[in-house]
Amino acid sequence: MKKYVCDVCGYIYDPAEGDPDSGIAPGAAFEDLPDDWVCPVCGAPKEDFTLEE
């Protein structure tokens, strides 16, 4: 699964881990996250994430 990096703070969203604090279960692809999901570290919106190369 593809990982995405927050352009603001460098947080890496890893689908294998999800975002349990935000109710996102492990295995959830970044594309499937709700539109109002934000970076758990800095609060940046999904638009501020880029695909990790």
N, C-alpha and C. Protein backbone atom coordinates (compact mmCIF):
# COMPACT_ATOMS: atom_id res chain seq x y z
N MET A 1 0.84 -1.20 0.00
CA MET A 1 0.00 0.00 0.00
C MET A 1 0.88 1.24 0.00
N LYS A 2 0.36 2.28 -0.62
CA LYS A 2 1.12 3.51 -0.77
C LYS A 2 1.09 4.33 0.51
N LYS A 3 2.24 4.92 0.84
CA LYS A 3 2.34 5.81 1.99
C LYS A 3 2.32 7.25 1.48
N TYR A 4 1.75 8.13 2.29
CA TYR A 4 1.68 9.55 1.94
C TYR A 4 2.34 10.37 3.03
N VAL A 5 3.03 11.45 2.62
CA VAL A 5 3.78 12.29 3.55
C VAL A 5 3.12 13.66 3.64
N CYS A 6 3.01 14.16 4.86
CA CYS A 6 2.48 15.51 5.08
C CYS A 6 3.56 16.51 4.67
N ASP A 7 3.21 17.40 3.73
CA ASP A 7 4.17 18.40 3.25
C ASP A 7 4.47 19.45 4.32
N VAL A 8 3.63 19.56 5.32
CA VAL A 8 3.80 20.59 6.35
C VAL A 8 4.77 20.12 7.45
N CYS A 9 4.54 18.89 7.97
CA CYS A 9 5.33 18.46 9.13
C CYS A 9 6.14 17.19 8.91
N GLY A 10 5.90 16.48 7.80
CA GLY A 10 6.67 15.27 7.53
C GLY A 10 6.05 13.99 8.07
N TYR A 11 4.87 14.08 8.69
CA TYR A 11 4.18 12.87 9.17
C TYR A 11 3.92 11.95 7.98
N ILE A 12 4.12 10.66 8.18
CA ILE A 12 3.87 9.68 7.12
C ILE A 12 2.63 8.87 7.48
N TYR A 13 1.61 8.94 6.60
CA TYR A 13 0.43 8.10 6.78
C TYR A 13 0.76 6.73 6.20
N ASP A 14 0.77 5.73 7.05
CA ASP A 14 1.04 4.35 6.65
C ASP A 14 -0.26 3.56 6.74
N PRO A 15 -0.79 3.11 5.59
CA PRO A 15 -2.06 2.36 5.62
C PRO A 15 -2.01 1.13 6.51
N ALA A 16 -0.86 0.52 6.67
CA ALA A 16 -0.74 -0.67 7.51
C ALA A 16 -1.05 -0.35 8.97
N GLU A 17 -0.83 0.91 9.36
CA GLU A 17 -1.08 1.33 10.74
C GLU A 17 -2.40 2.07 10.89
N GLY A 18 -2.85 2.74 9.83
CA GLY A 18 -4.05 3.57 9.92
C GLY A 18 -3.80 4.77 10.82
N ASP A 19 -4.86 5.30 11.39
CA ASP A 19 -4.77 6.42 12.33
C ASP A 19 -5.79 6.15 13.44
N PRO A 20 -5.43 5.22 14.36
CA PRO A 20 -6.39 4.80 15.38
C PRO A 20 -6.96 5.94 16.21
N ASP A 21 -6.16 6.98 16.48
CA ASP A 21 -6.65 8.10 17.28
C ASP A 21 -7.78 8.86 16.59
N SER A 22 -7.84 8.75 15.25
CA SER A 22 -8.90 9.40 14.48
C SER A 22 -9.97 8.42 14.03
N GLY A 23 -9.89 7.17 14.51
CA GLY A 23 -10.89 6.18 14.16
C GLY A 23 -10.66 5.52 12.81
N ILE A 24 -9.43 5.63 12.28
CA ILE A 24 -9.09 5.03 10.99
C ILE A 24 -8.41 3.68 11.26
N ALA A 25 -9.05 2.61 10.83
CA ALA A 25 -8.55 1.27 11.09
C ALA A 25 -7.33 0.94 10.23
N PRO A 26 -6.44 0.10 10.74
CA PRO A 26 -5.33 -0.38 9.90
C PRO A 26 -5.86 -1.00 8.62
N GLY A 27 -5.15 -0.76 7.52
CA GLY A 27 -5.57 -1.28 6.23
C GLY A 27 -6.34 -0.28 5.39
N ALA A 28 -6.64 0.90 5.95
CA ALA A 28 -7.38 1.91 5.20
C ALA A 28 -6.44 2.67 4.27
N ALA A 29 -6.72 2.59 2.96
CA ALA A 29 -5.91 3.31 1.98
C ALA A 29 -6.11 4.81 2.15
N PHE A 30 -5.08 5.59 1.83
CA PHE A 30 -5.16 7.04 1.95
C PHE A 30 -6.34 7.59 1.14
N GLU A 31 -6.54 7.04 -0.04
CA GLU A 31 -7.62 7.50 -0.91
C GLU A 31 -9.00 7.29 -0.28
N ASP A 32 -9.09 6.33 0.65
CA ASP A 32 -10.37 6.01 1.28
C ASP A 32 -10.62 6.80 2.57
N LEU A 33 -9.66 7.62 2.98
CA LEU A 33 -9.86 8.42 4.19
C LEU A 33 -10.94 9.46 3.93
N PRO A 34 -11.71 9.83 4.96
CA PRO A 34 -12.74 10.85 4.77
C PRO A 34 -12.13 12.17 4.30
N ASP A 35 -12.89 12.95 3.54
CA ASP A 35 -12.38 14.22 3.03
C ASP A 35 -12.00 15.19 4.14
N ASP A 36 -12.63 15.04 5.31
CA ASP A 36 -12.33 15.97 6.42
C ASP A 36 -11.22 15.45 7.34
N TRP A 37 -10.59 14.33 6.96
CA TRP A 37 -9.46 13.82 7.75
C TRP A 37 -8.31 14.81 7.67
N VAL A 38 -7.60 15.00 8.80
CA VAL A 38 -6.45 15.91 8.83
C VAL A 38 -5.26 15.20 9.46
N CYS A 39 -4.08 15.73 9.21
CA CYS A 39 -2.86 15.18 9.77
C CYS A 39 -2.98 15.14 11.29
N PRO A 40 -2.72 13.98 11.91
CA PRO A 40 -2.85 13.89 13.37
C PRO A 40 -1.77 14.65 14.12
N VAL A 41 -0.72 15.08 13.44
CA VAL A 41 0.36 15.81 14.10
C VAL A 41 0.15 17.32 14.02
N CYS A 42 -0.12 17.83 12.79
CA CYS A 42 -0.18 19.29 12.62
C CYS A 42 -1.54 19.81 12.17
N GLY A 43 -2.47 18.90 11.81
CA GLY A 43 -3.80 19.35 11.42
C GLY A 43 -3.93 19.75 9.96
N ALA A 44 -2.92 19.48 9.14
CA ALA A 44 -2.99 19.83 7.72
C ALA A 44 -4.03 18.95 7.02
N PRO A 45 -4.73 19.49 6.02
CA PRO A 45 -5.74 18.70 5.30
C PRO A 45 -5.10 17.69 4.35
N LYS A 46 -5.92 16.77 3.85
CA LYS A 46 -5.43 15.73 2.93
C LYS A 46 -4.72 16.32 1.72
N GLU A 47 -5.15 17.49 1.28
CA GLU A 47 -4.56 18.13 0.09
C GLU A 47 -3.08 18.43 0.29
N ASP A 48 -2.64 18.51 1.55
CA ASP A 48 -1.24 18.83 1.84
C ASP A 48 -0.36 17.59 1.97
N PHE A 49 -0.86 16.45 1.50
CA PHE A 49 -0.08 15.20 1.52
C PHE A 49 0.33 14.85 0.10
N THR A 50 1.54 14.27 -0.03
CA THR A 50 1.99 13.79 -1.33
C THR A 50 2.45 12.33 -1.19
N LEU A 51 2.37 11.63 -2.30
CA LEU A 51 2.77 10.23 -2.34
C LEU A 51 4.25 10.11 -2.05
N GLU A 52 4.58 9.20 -1.12
CA GLU A 52 5.98 8.96 -0.80
C GLU A 52 6.61 8.14 -1.93
N GLU A 53 7.73 8.61 -2.42
CA GLU A 53 8.42 7.92 -3.53
C GLU A 53 9.30 6.82 -3.00
